[in-house]
Amino acid sequence: MPCLYITTNLNLDGVDTNPVFSEATTAVSTIIGKPEKFVMVILKSSVPISFEGNKEPAAYAEIVSMGGINTEVKRKLIATIGTILQSNLSIPRTRFFLKVFDVSAFRTNSKM
């Protein structure tokens, strides 16, 4: 199940965030190749973030997936999620950082 966790320094009280959730869910599903019903999106606002030495609108996100991640997928995720945040929340793509983590790379043969 891919999980996209977005954190921003913007106060989103009163902001319609539904487009962020729906567009991000579709993007993650399409790019990684997992059904939308397995995609989780978390959006946390009003988190103090300093980027490039200032506190202008910015976002940090992490995506964790079991498989489906390669270099091309990372590039597409960064570009697409950045565009979603820019168009819906006015966070410039240059002030967005995405950490991509594929947990299948760390599978073990544990019987636990």
PDB file of N, CA and C in Angstrom:
ATOM      1  N   MET A   1       0.845  -1.175   0.000  1.00  0.00           N
ATOM      2  CA  MET A   1       0.000   0.000   0.000  1.00  0.00           C
ATOM      3  C   MET A   1       0.891   1.239   0.000  1.00  0.00           C
ATOM      4  N   PRO A   2       0.913   2.017  -1.083  1.00  0.00           N
ATOM      5  CA  PRO A   2       1.679   3.267  -1.079  1.00  0.00           C
ATOM      6  C   PRO A   2       1.059   4.289  -0.132  1.00  0.00           C
ATOM      7  N   CYS A   3       1.911   4.977   0.597  1.00  0.00           N
ATOM      8  CA  CYS A   3       1.458   6.033   1.499  1.00  0.00           C
ATOM      9  C   CYS A   3       2.243   7.303   1.187  1.00  0.00           C
ATOM     10  N   LEU A   4       1.519   8.369   0.876  1.00  0.00           N
ATOM     11  CA  LEU A   4       2.114   9.676   0.609  1.00  0.00           C
ATOM     12  C   LEU A   4       1.792  10.567   1.791  1.00  0.00           C
ATOM     13  N   TYR A   5       2.830  11.025   2.480  1.00  0.00           N
ATOM     14  CA  TYR A   5       2.669  11.875   3.658  1.00  0.00           C
ATOM     15  C   TYR A   5       3.217  13.255   3.303  1.00  0.00           C
ATOM     16  N   ILE A   6       2.330  14.243   3.201  1.00  0.00           N
ATOM     17  CA  ILE A   6       2.714  15.608   2.818  1.00  0.00           C
ATOM     18  C   ILE A   6       2.628  16.510   4.044  1.00  0.00           C
ATOM     19  N   THR A   7       3.683  17.258   4.282  1.00  0.00           N
ATOM     20  CA  THR A   7       3.726  18.223   5.369  1.00  0.00           C
ATOM     21  C   THR A   7       3.999  19.598   4.764  1.00  0.00           C
ATOM     22  N   THR A   8       3.256  20.601   5.212  1.00  0.00           N
ATOM     23  CA  THR A   8       3.466  21.955   4.709  1.00  0.00           C
ATOM     24  C   THR A   8       3.417  22.962   5.851  1.00  0.00           C
ATOM     25  N   ASN A   9       4.040  24.102   5.623  1.00  0.00           N
ATOM     26  CA  ASN A   9       3.998  25.174   6.616  1.00  0.00           C
ATOM     27  C   ASN A   9       2.783  26.084   6.421  1.00  0.00           C
ATOM     28  N   LEU A  10       1.973  25.808   5.416  1.00  0.00           N
ATOM     29  CA  LEU A  10       0.770  26.600   5.206  1.00  0.00           C
ATOM     30  C   LEU A  10      -0.311  26.225   6.214  1.00  0.00           C
ATOM     31  N   ASN A  11      -1.113  27.212   6.592  1.00  0.00           N
ATOM     32  CA  ASN A  11      -2.295  26.958   7.398  1.00  0.00           C
ATOM     33  C   ASN A  11      -3.424  26.645   6.417  1.00  0.00           C
ATOM     34  N   LEU A  12      -3.927  25.436   6.451  1.00  0.00           N
ATOM     35  CA  LEU A  12      -4.943  25.013   5.492  1.00  0.00           C
ATOM     36  C   LEU A  12      -6.360  25.025   6.076  1.00  0.00           C
ATOM     37  N   ASP A  13      -6.531  25.628   7.241  1.00  0.00           N
ATOM     38  CA  ASP A  13      -7.870  25.764   7.803  1.00  0.00           C
ATOM     39  C   ASP A  13      -8.729  26.561   6.822  1.00  0.00           C
ATOM     40  N   GLY A  14      -9.862  26.025   6.459  1.00  0.00           N
ATOM     41  CA  GLY A  14     -10.763  26.712   5.540  1.00  0.00           C
ATOM     42  C   GLY A  14     -10.413  26.539   4.068  1.00  0.00           C
ATOM     43  N   VAL A  15      -9.335  25.835   3.766  1.00  0.00           N
ATOM     44  CA  VAL A  15      -8.935  25.595   2.378  1.00  0.00           C
ATOM     45  C   VAL A  15      -9.507  24.259   1.931  1.00  0.00           C
ATOM     46  N   ASP A  16     -10.060  24.230   0.729  1.00  0.00           N
ATOM     47  CA  ASP A  16     -10.587  22.977   0.183  1.00  0.00           C
ATOM     48  C   ASP A  16      -9.398  22.118  -0.257  1.00  0.00           C
ATOM     49  N   THR A  17      -9.099  21.099   0.532  1.00  0.00           N
ATOM     50  CA  THR A  17      -7.969  20.224   0.231  1.00  0.00           C
ATOM     51  C   THR A  17      -8.389  18.964  -0.529  1.00  0.00           C
ATOM     52  N   ASN A  18      -9.674  18.812  -0.802  1.00  0.00           N
ATOM     53  CA  ASN A  18     -10.143  17.628  -1.517  1.00  0.00           C
ATOM     54  C   ASN A  18      -9.428  17.410  -2.853  1.00  0.00           C
ATOM     55  N   PRO A  19      -9.182  18.467  -3.643  1.00  0.00           N
ATOM     56  CA  PRO A  19      -8.458  18.250  -4.897  1.00  0.00           C
ATOM     57  C   PRO A  19      -7.043  17.697  -4.683  1.00  0.00           C
ATOM     58  N   VAL A  20      -6.387  18.107  -3.612  1.00  0.00           N
ATOM     59  CA  VAL A  20      -5.043  17.583  -3.323  1.00  0.00           C
ATOM     60  C   VAL A  20      -5.130  16.083  -3.072  1.00  0.00           C
ATOM     61  N   PHE A  21      -6.081  15.675  -2.240  1.00  0.00           N
ATOM     62  CA  PHE A  21      -6.240  14.255  -1.932  1.00  0.00           C
ATOM     63  C   PHE A  21      -6.576  13.441  -3.184  1.00  0.00           C
ATOM     64  N   SER A  22      -7.545  13.903  -3.944  1.00  0.00           N
ATOM     65  CA  SER A  22      -7.979  13.118  -5.107  1.00  0.00           C
ATOM     66  C   SER A  22      -6.910  13.078  -6.197  1.00  0.00           C
ATOM     67  N   GLU A  23      -6.293  14.217  -6.490  1.00  0.00           N
ATOM     68  CA  GLU A  23      -5.269  14.254  -7.532  1.00  0.00           C
ATOM     69  C   GLU A  23      -4.022  13.476  -7.118  1.00  0.00           C
ATOM     70  N   ALA A  24      -3.639  13.586  -5.861  1.00  0.00           N
ATOM     71  CA  ALA A  24      -2.464  12.859  -5.380  1.00  0.00           C
ATOM     72  C   ALA A  24      -2.713  11.355  -5.379  1.00  0.00           C
ATOM     73  N   THR A  25      -3.909  10.946  -4.964  1.00  0.00           N
ATOM     74  CA  THR A  25      -4.250   9.520  -4.965  1.00  0.00           C
ATOM     75  C   THR A  25      -4.175   8.953  -6.375  1.00  0.00           C
ATOM     76  N   THR A  26      -4.773   9.654  -7.324  1.00  0.00           N
ATOM     77  CA  THR A  26      -4.752   9.198  -8.717  1.00  0.00           C
ATOM     78  C   THR A  26      -3.331   9.170  -9.269  1.00  0.00           C
ATOM     79  N   ALA A  27      -2.553  10.198  -8.967  1.00  0.00           N
ATOM     80  CA  ALA A  27      -1.174  10.268  -9.467  1.00  0.00           C
ATOM     81  C   ALA A  27      -0.332   9.115  -8.933  1.00  0.00           C
ATOM     82  N   VAL A  28      -0.388   8.894  -7.632  1.00  0.00           N
ATOM     83  CA  VAL A  28       0.400   7.814  -7.025  1.00  0.00           C
ATOM     84  C   VAL A  28      -0.020   6.466  -7.606  1.00  0.00           C
ATOM     85  N   SER A  29      -1.309   6.243  -7.697  1.00  0.00           N
ATOM     86  CA  SER A  29      -1.825   4.994  -8.237  1.00  0.00           C
ATOM     87  C   SER A  29      -1.344   4.765  -9.668  1.00  0.00           C
ATOM     88  N   THR A  30      -1.481   5.777 -10.490  1.00  0.00           N
ATOM     89  CA  THR A  30      -1.111   5.673 -11.899  1.00  0.00           C
ATOM     90  C   THR A  30       0.390   5.501 -12.087  1.00  0.00           C
ATOM     91  N   ILE A  31       1.180   6.300 -11.400  1.00  0.00           N
ATOM     92  CA  ILE A  31       2.634   6.291 -11.593  1.00  0.00           C
ATOM     93  C   ILE A  31       3.267   5.023 -11.028  1.00  0.00           C
ATOM     94  N   ILE A  32       2.835   4.604  -9.843  1.00  0.00           N
ATOM     95  CA  ILE A  32       3.430   3.415  -9.216  1.00  0.00           C
ATOM     96  C   ILE A  32       2.797   2.129  -9.752  1.00  0.00           C
ATOM     97  N   GLY A  33       1.555   2.226 -10.228  1.00  0.00           N
ATOM     98  CA  GLY A  33       0.893   1.060 -10.775  1.00  0.00           C
ATOM     99  C   GLY A  33       0.173   0.221  -9.736  1.00  0.00           C
ATOM    100  N   LYS A  34      -0.339   0.879  -8.705  1.00  0.00           N
ATOM    101  CA  LYS A  34      -1.110   0.202  -7.656  1.00  0.00           C
ATOM    102  C   LYS A  34      -2.546   0.723  -7.707  1.00  0.00           C
ATOM    103  N   PRO A  35      -3.531  -0.106  -7.371  1.00  0.00           N
ATOM    104  CA  PRO A  35      -4.922   0.360  -7.376  1.00  0.00           C
ATOM    105  C   PRO A  35      -5.143   1.512  -6.388  1.00  0.00           C
ATOM    106  N   GLU A  36      -6.007   2.450  -6.768  1.00  0.00           N
ATOM    107  CA  GLU A  36      -6.297   3.602  -5.903  1.00  0.00           C
ATOM    108  C   GLU A  36      -6.790   3.189  -4.529  1.00  0.00           C
ATOM    109  N   LYS A  37      -7.483   2.064  -4.447  1.00  0.00           N
ATOM    110  CA  LYS A  37      -8.040   1.649  -3.155  1.00  0.00           C
ATOM    111  C   LYS A  37      -6.950   1.312  -2.136  1.00  0.00           C
ATOM    112  N   PHE A  38      -5.712   1.147  -2.597  1.00  0.00           N
ATOM    113  CA  PHE A  38      -4.609   0.849  -1.691  1.00  0.00           C
ATOM    114  C   PHE A  38      -3.713   2.059  -1.405  1.00  0.00           C
ATOM    115  N   VAL A  39      -4.027   3.221  -1.979  1.00  0.00           N
ATOM    116  CA  VAL A  39      -3.195   4.421  -1.809  1.00  0.00           C
ATOM    117  C   VAL A  39      -3.710   5.239  -0.627  1.00  0.00           C
ATOM    118  N   MET A  40      -2.791   5.606   0.275  1.00  0.00           N
ATOM    119  CA  MET A  40      -3.131   6.467   1.408  1.00  0.00           C
ATOM    120  C   MET A  40      -2.420   7.805   1.222  1.00  0.00           C
ATOM    121  N   VAL A  41      -3.143   8.894   1.444  1.00  0.00           N
ATOM    122  CA  VAL A  41      -2.567  10.240   1.378  1.00  0.00           C
ATOM    123  C   VAL A  41      -2.856  10.937   2.696  1.00  0.00           C
ATOM    124  N   ILE A  42      -1.812  11.481   3.297  1.00  0.00           N
ATOM    125  CA  ILE A  42      -1.921  12.225   4.552  1.00  0.00           C
ATOM    126  C   ILE A  42      -1.426  13.642   4.279  1.00  0.00           C
ATOM    127  N   LEU A  43      -2.163  14.638   4.718  1.00  0.00           N
ATOM    128  CA  LEU A  43      -1.785  16.032   4.525  1.00  0.00           C
ATOM    129  C   LEU A  43      -1.798  16.733   5.874  1.00  0.00           C
ATOM    130  N   LYS A  44      -0.632  17.163   6.314  1.00  0.00           N
ATOM    131  CA  LYS A  44      -0.501  17.846   7.606  1.00  0.00           C
ATOM    132  C   LYS A  44      -0.072  19.280   7.346  1.00  0.00           C
ATOM    133  N   SER A  45      -0.790  20.220   7.948  1.00  0.00           N
ATOM    134  CA  SER A  45      -0.496  21.636   7.703  1.00  0.00           C
ATOM    135  C   SER A  45       0.001  22.325   8.970  1.00  0.00           C
ATOM    136  N   SER A  46       0.390  23.575   8.801  1.00  0.00           N
ATOM    137  CA  SER A  46       0.836  24.445   9.898  1.00  0.00           C
ATOM    138  C   SER A  46       2.044  23.892  10.647  1.00  0.00           C
ATOM    139  N   VAL A  47       2.933  23.221   9.923  1.00  0.00           N
ATOM    140  CA  VAL A  47       4.163  22.681  10.509  1.00  0.00           C
ATOM    141  C   VAL A  47       5.292  23.674  10.213  1.00  0.00           C
ATOM    142  N   PRO A  48       6.010  24.126  11.228  1.00  0.00           N
ATOM    143  CA  PRO A  48       7.103  25.057  10.961  1.00  0.00           C
ATOM    144  C   PRO A  48       8.140  24.420  10.023  1.00  0.00           C
ATOM    145  N   ILE A  49       8.345  25.037   8.865  1.00  0.00           N
ATOM    146  CA  ILE A  49       9.337  24.566   7.895  1.00  0.00           C
ATOM    147  C   ILE A  49      10.147  25.765   7.417  1.00  0.00           C
ATOM    148  N   SER A  50      11.453  25.639   7.491  1.00  0.00           N
ATOM    149  CA  SER A  50      12.349  26.622   6.906  1.00  0.00           C
ATOM    150  C   SER A  50      13.047  25.962   5.722  1.00  0.00           C
ATOM    151  N   PHE A  51      12.980  26.600   4.575  1.00  0.00           N
ATOM    152  CA  PHE A  51      13.593  26.074   3.355  1.00  0.00           C
ATOM    153  C   PHE A  51      14.308  27.230   2.680  1.00  0.00           C
ATOM    154  N   GLU A  52      15.531  27.034   2.299  1.00  0.00           N
ATOM    155  CA  GLU A  52      16.372  28.085   1.719  1.00  0.00           C
ATOM    156  C   GLU A  52      16.511  29.273   2.665  1.00  0.00           C
ATOM    157  N   GLY A  53      16.468  28.989   3.965  1.00  0.00           N
ATOM    158  CA  GLY A  53      16.672  30.027   4.963  1.00  0.00           C
ATOM    159  C   GLY A  53      15.481  30.918   5.224  1.00  0.00           C
ATOM    160  N   ASN A  54      14.295  30.556   4.707  1.00  0.00           N
ATOM    161  CA  ASN A  54      13.110  31.366   4.981  1.00  0.00           C
ATOM    162  C   ASN A  54      11.898  30.472   5.188  1.00  0.00           C
ATOM    163  N   LYS A  55      10.819  31.078   5.645  1.00  0.00           N
ATOM    164  CA  LYS A  55       9.608  30.322   5.965  1.00  0.00           C
ATOM    165  C   LYS A  55       8.475  30.589   4.980  1.00  0.00           C
ATOM    166  N   GLU A  56       8.816  30.922   3.747  1.00  0.00           N
ATOM    167  CA  GLU A  56       7.807  31.090   2.705  1.00  0.00           C
ATOM    168  C   GLU A  56       7.149  29.732   2.447  1.00  0.00           C
ATOM    169  N   PRO A  57       5.987  29.705   1.766  1.00  0.00           N
ATOM    170  CA  PRO A  57       5.293  28.430   1.543  1.00  0.00           C
ATOM    171  C   PRO A  57       6.221  27.342   0.996  1.00  0.00           C
ATOM    172  N   ALA A  58       6.186  26.190   1.674  1.00  0.00           N
ATOM    173  CA  ALA A  58       7.036  25.065   1.296  1.00  0.00           C
ATOM    174  C   ALA A  58       6.346  23.770   1.714  1.00  0.00           C
ATOM    175  N   ALA A  59       6.846  22.655   1.178  1.00  0.00           N
ATOM    176  CA  ALA A  59       6.291  21.355   1.555  1.00  0.00           C
ATOM    177  C   ALA A  59       7.385  20.305   1.517  1.00  0.00           C
ATOM    178  N   TYR A  60       7.249  19.343   2.412  1.00  0.00           N
ATOM    179  CA  TYR A  60       8.109  18.163   2.458  1.00  0.00           C
ATOM    180  C   TYR A  60       7.175  16.965   2.420  1.00  0.00           C
ATOM    181  N   ALA A  61       7.520  15.980   1.623  1.00  0.00           N
ATOM    182  CA  ALA A  61       6.672  14.798   1.541  1.00  0.00           C
ATOM    183  C   ALA A  61       7.529  13.543   1.500  1.00  0.00           C
ATOM    184  N   GLU A  62       6.936  12.472   1.973  1.00  0.00           N
ATOM    185  CA  GLU A  62       7.565  11.152   1.891  1.00  0.00           C
ATOM    186  C   GLU A  62       6.567  10.207   1.259  1.00  0.00           C
ATOM    187  N   ILE A  63       7.045   9.345   0.395  1.00  0.00           N
ATOM    188  CA  ILE A  63       6.193   8.297  -0.139  1.00  0.00           C
ATOM    189  C   ILE A  63       6.866   6.962   0.113  1.00  0.00           C
ATOM    190  N   VAL A  64       6.096   6.053   0.669  1.00  0.00           N
ATOM    191  CA  VAL A  64       6.581   4.716   0.980  1.00  0.00           C
ATOM    192  C   VAL A  64       5.728   3.742   0.178  1.00  0.00           C
ATOM    193  N   SER A  65       6.399   2.826  -0.520  1.00  0.00           N
ATOM    194  CA  SER A  65       5.672   1.844  -1.318  1.00  0.00           C
ATOM    195  C   SER A  65       6.396   0.514  -1.267  1.00  0.00           C
ATOM    196  N   MET A  66       5.624  -0.548  -1.343  1.00  0.00           N
ATOM    197  CA  MET A  66       6.212  -1.874  -1.439  1.00  0.00           C
ATOM    198  C   MET A  66       6.261  -2.222  -2.918  1.00  0.00           C
ATOM    199  N   GLY A  67       7.395  -1.910  -3.543  1.00  0.00           N
ATOM    200  CA  GLY A  67       7.571  -2.160  -4.965  1.00  0.00           C
ATOM    201  C   GLY A  67       7.042  -1.028  -5.824  1.00  0.00           C
ATOM    202  N   GLY A  68       7.327  -1.119  -7.112  1.00  0.00           N
ATOM    203  CA  GLY A  68       6.855  -0.136  -8.079  1.00  0.00           C
ATOM    204  C   GLY A  68       7.716   1.103  -8.196  1.00  0.00           C
ATOM    205  N   ILE A  69       8.837   1.153  -7.472  1.00  0.00           N
ATOM    206  CA  ILE A  69       9.680   2.347  -7.465  1.00  0.00           C
ATOM    207  C   ILE A  69      10.959   2.092  -8.275  1.00  0.00           C
ATOM    208  N   ASN A  70      11.246   2.987  -9.195  1.00  0.00           N
ATOM    209  CA  ASN A  70      12.519   3.001  -9.916  1.00  0.00           C
ATOM    210  C   ASN A  70      12.848   4.464 -10.218  1.00  0.00           C
ATOM    211  N   THR A  71      13.930   4.707 -10.909  1.00  0.00           N
ATOM    212  CA  THR A  71      14.376   6.085 -11.154  1.00  0.00           C
ATOM    213  C   THR A  71      13.333   6.885 -11.921  1.00  0.00           C
ATOM    214  N   GLU A  72      12.755   6.302 -12.942  1.00  0.00           N
ATOM    215  CA  GLU A  72      11.745   7.016 -13.737  1.00  0.00           C
ATOM    216  C   GLU A  72      10.496   7.309 -12.910  1.00  0.00           C
ATOM    217  N   VAL A  73      10.075   6.367 -12.086  1.00  0.00           N
ATOM    218  CA  VAL A  73       8.913   6.566 -11.219  1.00  0.00           C
ATOM    219  C   VAL A  73       9.193   7.700 -10.236  1.00  0.00           C
ATOM    220  N   LYS A  74      10.396   7.733  -9.666  1.00  0.00           N
ATOM    221  CA  LYS A  74      10.755   8.828  -8.744  1.00  0.00           C
ATOM    222  C   LYS A  74      10.628  10.175  -9.431  1.00  0.00           C
ATOM    223  N   ARG A  75      11.168  10.281 -10.636  1.00  0.00           N
ATOM    224  CA  ARG A  75      11.108  11.556 -11.383  1.00  0.00           C
ATOM    225  C   ARG A  75       9.658  11.985 -11.620  1.00  0.00           C
ATOM    226  N   LYS A  76       8.829  11.023 -12.041  1.00  0.00           N
ATOM    227  CA  LYS A  76       7.426  11.336 -12.313  1.00  0.00           C
ATOM    228  C   LYS A  76       6.685  11.741 -11.043  1.00  0.00           C
ATOM    229  N   LEU A  77       6.956  11.052  -9.932  1.00  0.00           N
ATOM    230  CA  LEU A  77       6.309  11.396  -8.663  1.00  0.00           C
ATOM    231  C   LEU A  77       6.683  12.805  -8.222  1.00  0.00           C
ATOM    232  N   ILE A  78       7.965  13.129  -8.285  1.00  0.00           N
ATOM    233  CA  ILE A  78       8.428  14.458  -7.868  1.00  0.00           C
ATOM    234  C   ILE A  78       7.764  15.539  -8.712  1.00  0.00           C
ATOM    235  N   ALA A  79       7.761  15.358 -10.026  1.00  0.00           N
ATOM    236  CA  ALA A  79       7.175  16.361 -10.921  1.00  0.00           C
ATOM    237  C   ALA A  79       5.670  16.478 -10.720  1.00  0.00           C
ATOM    238  N   THR A  80       4.993  15.356 -10.639  1.00  0.00           N
ATOM    239  CA  THR A  80       3.532  15.373 -10.555  1.00  0.00           C
ATOM    240  C   THR A  80       3.031  15.882  -9.218  1.00  0.00           C
ATOM    241  N   ILE A  81       3.593  15.390  -8.117  1.00  0.00           N
ATOM    242  CA  ILE A  81       3.162  15.863  -6.792  1.00  0.00           C
ATOM    243  C   ILE A  81       3.501  17.344  -6.642  1.00  0.00           C
ATOM    244  N   GLY A  82       4.659  17.745  -7.136  1.00  0.00           N
ATOM    245  CA  GLY A  82       5.031  19.167  -7.106  1.00  0.00           C
ATOM    246  C   GLY A  82       4.030  20.037  -7.848  1.00  0.00           C
ATOM    247  N   THR A  83       3.582  19.574  -8.997  1.00  0.00           N
ATOM    248  CA  THR A  83       2.589  20.310  -9.783  1.00  0.00           C
ATOM    249  C   THR A  83       1.247  20.372  -9.055  1.00  0.00           C
ATOM    250  N   ILE A  84       0.848  19.280  -8.428  1.00  0.00           N
ATOM    251  CA  ILE A  84      -0.413  19.256  -7.667  1.00  0.00           C
ATOM    252  C   ILE A  84      -0.370  20.273  -6.530  1.00  0.00           C
ATOM    253  N   LEU A  85       0.746  20.325  -5.810  1.00  0.00           N
ATOM    254  CA  LEU A  85       0.863  21.272  -4.693  1.00  0.00           C
ATOM    255  C   LEU A  85       0.913  22.717  -5.199  1.00  0.00           C
ATOM    256  N   GLN A  86       1.578  22.922  -6.322  1.00  0.00           N
ATOM    257  CA  GLN A  86       1.661  24.272  -6.873  1.00  0.00           C
ATOM    258  C   GLN A  86       0.288  24.747  -7.357  1.00  0.00           C
ATOM    259  N   SER A  87      -0.438  23.902  -8.064  1.00  0.00           N
ATOM    260  CA  SER A  87      -1.714  24.343  -8.629  1.00  0.00           C
ATOM    261  C   SER A  87      -2.827  24.440  -7.584  1.00  0.00           C
ATOM    262  N   ASN A  88      -2.791  23.622  -6.540  1.00  0.00           N
ATOM    263  CA  ASN A  88      -3.864  23.625  -5.549  1.00  0.00           C
ATOM    264  C   ASN A  88      -3.561  24.439  -4.291  1.00  0.00           C
ATOM    265  N   LEU A  89      -2.283  24.528  -3.922  1.00  0.00           N
ATOM    266  CA  LEU A  89      -1.927  25.218  -2.680  1.00  0.00           C
ATOM    267  C   LEU A  89      -0.957  26.381  -2.884  1.00  0.00           C
ATOM    268  N   SER A  90      -0.592  26.640  -4.122  1.00  0.00           N
ATOM    269  CA  SER A  90       0.351  27.721  -4.472  1.00  0.00           C
ATOM    270  C   SER A  90       1.717  27.553  -3.815  1.00  0.00           C
ATOM    271  N   ILE A  91       2.142  26.309  -3.656  1.00  0.00           N
ATOM    272  CA  ILE A  91       3.492  26.028  -3.164  1.00  0.00           C
ATOM    273  C   ILE A  91       4.379  25.840  -4.404  1.00  0.00           C
ATOM    274  N   PRO A  92       5.356  26.713  -4.598  1.00  0.00           N
ATOM    275  CA  PRO A  92       6.203  26.578  -5.784  1.00  0.00           C
ATOM    276  C   PRO A  92       6.903  25.219  -5.837  1.00  0.00           C
ATOM    277  N   ARG A  93       7.013  24.672  -7.032  1.00  0.00           N
ATOM    278  CA  ARG A  93       7.673  23.369  -7.199  1.00  0.00           C
ATOM    279  C   ARG A  93       9.115  23.421  -6.701  1.00  0.00           C
ATOM    280  N   THR A  94       9.712  24.601  -6.721  1.00  0.00           N
ATOM    281  CA  THR A  94      11.095  24.746  -6.263  1.00  0.00           C
ATOM    282  C   THR A  94      11.200  24.746  -4.736  1.00  0.00           C
ATOM    283  N   ARG A  95      10.051  24.745  -4.065  1.00  0.00           N
ATOM    284  CA  ARG A  95      10.041  24.740  -2.596  1.00  0.00           C
ATOM    285  C   ARG A  95       9.355  23.479  -2.070  1.00  0.00           C
ATOM    286  N   PHE A  96       9.541  22.392  -2.807  1.00  0.00           N
ATOM    287  CA  PHE A  96       8.952  21.104  -2.471  1.00  0.00           C
ATOM    288  C   PHE A  96      10.037  20.038  -2.547  1.00  0.00           C
ATOM    289  N   PHE A  97      10.080  19.178  -1.531  1.00  0.00           N
ATOM    290  CA  PHE A  97      11.059  18.089  -1.487  1.00  0.00           C
ATOM    291  C   PHE A  97      10.309  16.790  -1.242  1.00  0.00           C
ATOM    292  N   LEU A  98      10.604  15.766  -2.041  1.00  0.00           N
ATOM    293  CA  LEU A  98       9.957  14.461  -1.900  1.00  0.00           C
ATOM    294  C   LEU A  98      11.007  13.387  -1.649  1.00  0.00           C
ATOM    295  N   LYS A  99      10.818  12.656  -0.559  1.00  0.00           N
ATOM    296  CA  LYS A  99      11.659  11.504  -0.233  1.00  0.00           C
ATOM    297  C   LYS A  99      10.892  10.254  -0.642  1.00  0.00           C
ATOM    298  N   VAL A 100      11.510   9.412  -1.463  1.00  0.00           N
ATOM    299  CA  VAL A 100      10.862   8.205  -1.973  1.00  0.00           C
ATOM    300  C   VAL A 100      11.548   6.990  -1.362  1.00  0.00           C
ATOM    301  N   PHE A 101      10.727   6.089  -0.813  1.00  0.00           N
ATOM    302  CA  PHE A 101      11.266   4.935  -0.109  1.00  0.00           C
ATOM    303  C   PHE A 101      10.535   3.676  -0.554  1.00  0.00           C
ATOM    304  N   ASP A 102      11.274   2.697  -1.065  1.00  0.00           N
ATOM    305  CA  ASP A 102      10.706   1.419  -1.493  1.00  0.00           C
ATOM    306  C   ASP A 102      11.037   0.380  -0.433  1.00  0.00           C
ATOM    307  N   VAL A 103      10.023  -0.056   0.326  1.00  0.00           N
ATOM    308  CA  VAL A 103      10.271  -0.993   1.416  1.00  0.00           C
ATOM    309  C   VAL A 103      10.550  -2.405   0.924  1.00  0.00           C
ATOM    310  N   SER A 104      10.253  -2.716  -0.328  1.00  0.00           N
ATOM    311  CA  SER A 104      10.541  -4.063  -0.835  1.00  0.00           C
ATOM    312  C   SER A 104      12.037  -4.317  -0.929  1.00  0.00           C
ATOM    313  N   ALA A 105      12.815  -3.260  -0.962  1.00  0.00           N
ATOM    314  CA  ALA A 105      14.268  -3.407  -1.006  1.00  0.00           C
ATOM    315  C   ALA A 105      14.813  -3.944   0.312  1.00  0.00           C
ATOM    316  N   PHE A 106      13.975  -3.920   1.352  1.00  0.00           N
ATOM    317  CA  PHE A 106      14.417  -4.331   2.677  1.00  0.00           C
ATOM    318  C   PHE A 106      13.671  -5.552   3.191  1.00  0.00           C
ATOM    319  N   ARG A 107      13.095  -6.324   2.307  1.00  0.00           N
ATOM    320  CA  ARG A 107      12.397  -7.544   2.708  1.00  0.00           C
ATOM    321  C   ARG A 107      13.378  -8.545   3.294  1.00  0.00           C
ATOM    322  N   THR A 108      12.901  -9.263   4.276  1.00  0.00           N
ATOM    323  CA  THR A 108      13.694 -10.336   4.877  1.00  0.00           C
ATOM    324  C   THR A 108      12.920 -11.628   4.794  1.00  0.00           C
ATOM    325  N   ASN A 109      13.554 -12.704   5.091  1.00  0.00           N
ATOM    326  CA  ASN A 109      12.891 -13.993   5.083  1.00  0.00           C
ATOM    327  C   ASN A 109      12.402 -14.383   6.484  1.00  0.00           C
ATOM    328  N   SER A 110      12.176 -13.387   7.314  1.00  0.00           N
ATOM    329  CA  SER A 110      11.725 -13.622   8.678  1.00  0.00           C
ATOM    330  C   SER A 110      10.359 -14.295   8.686  1.00  0.00           C
ATOM    331  N   LYS A 111      10.158 -15.190   9.620  1.00  0.00           N
ATOM    332  CA  LYS A 111       8.874 -15.887   9.745  1.00  0.00           C
ATOM    333  C   LYS A 111       7.989 -15.195  10.784  1.00  0.00           C
ATOM    334  N   MET A 112       8.373 -14.029  11.263  1.00  0.00           N
ATOM    335  CA  MET A 112       7.594 -13.311  12.270  1.00  0.00           C
ATOM    336  C   MET A 112       6.404 -12.640  11.633  1.00  0.00           C
TER     337      MET A 112
END
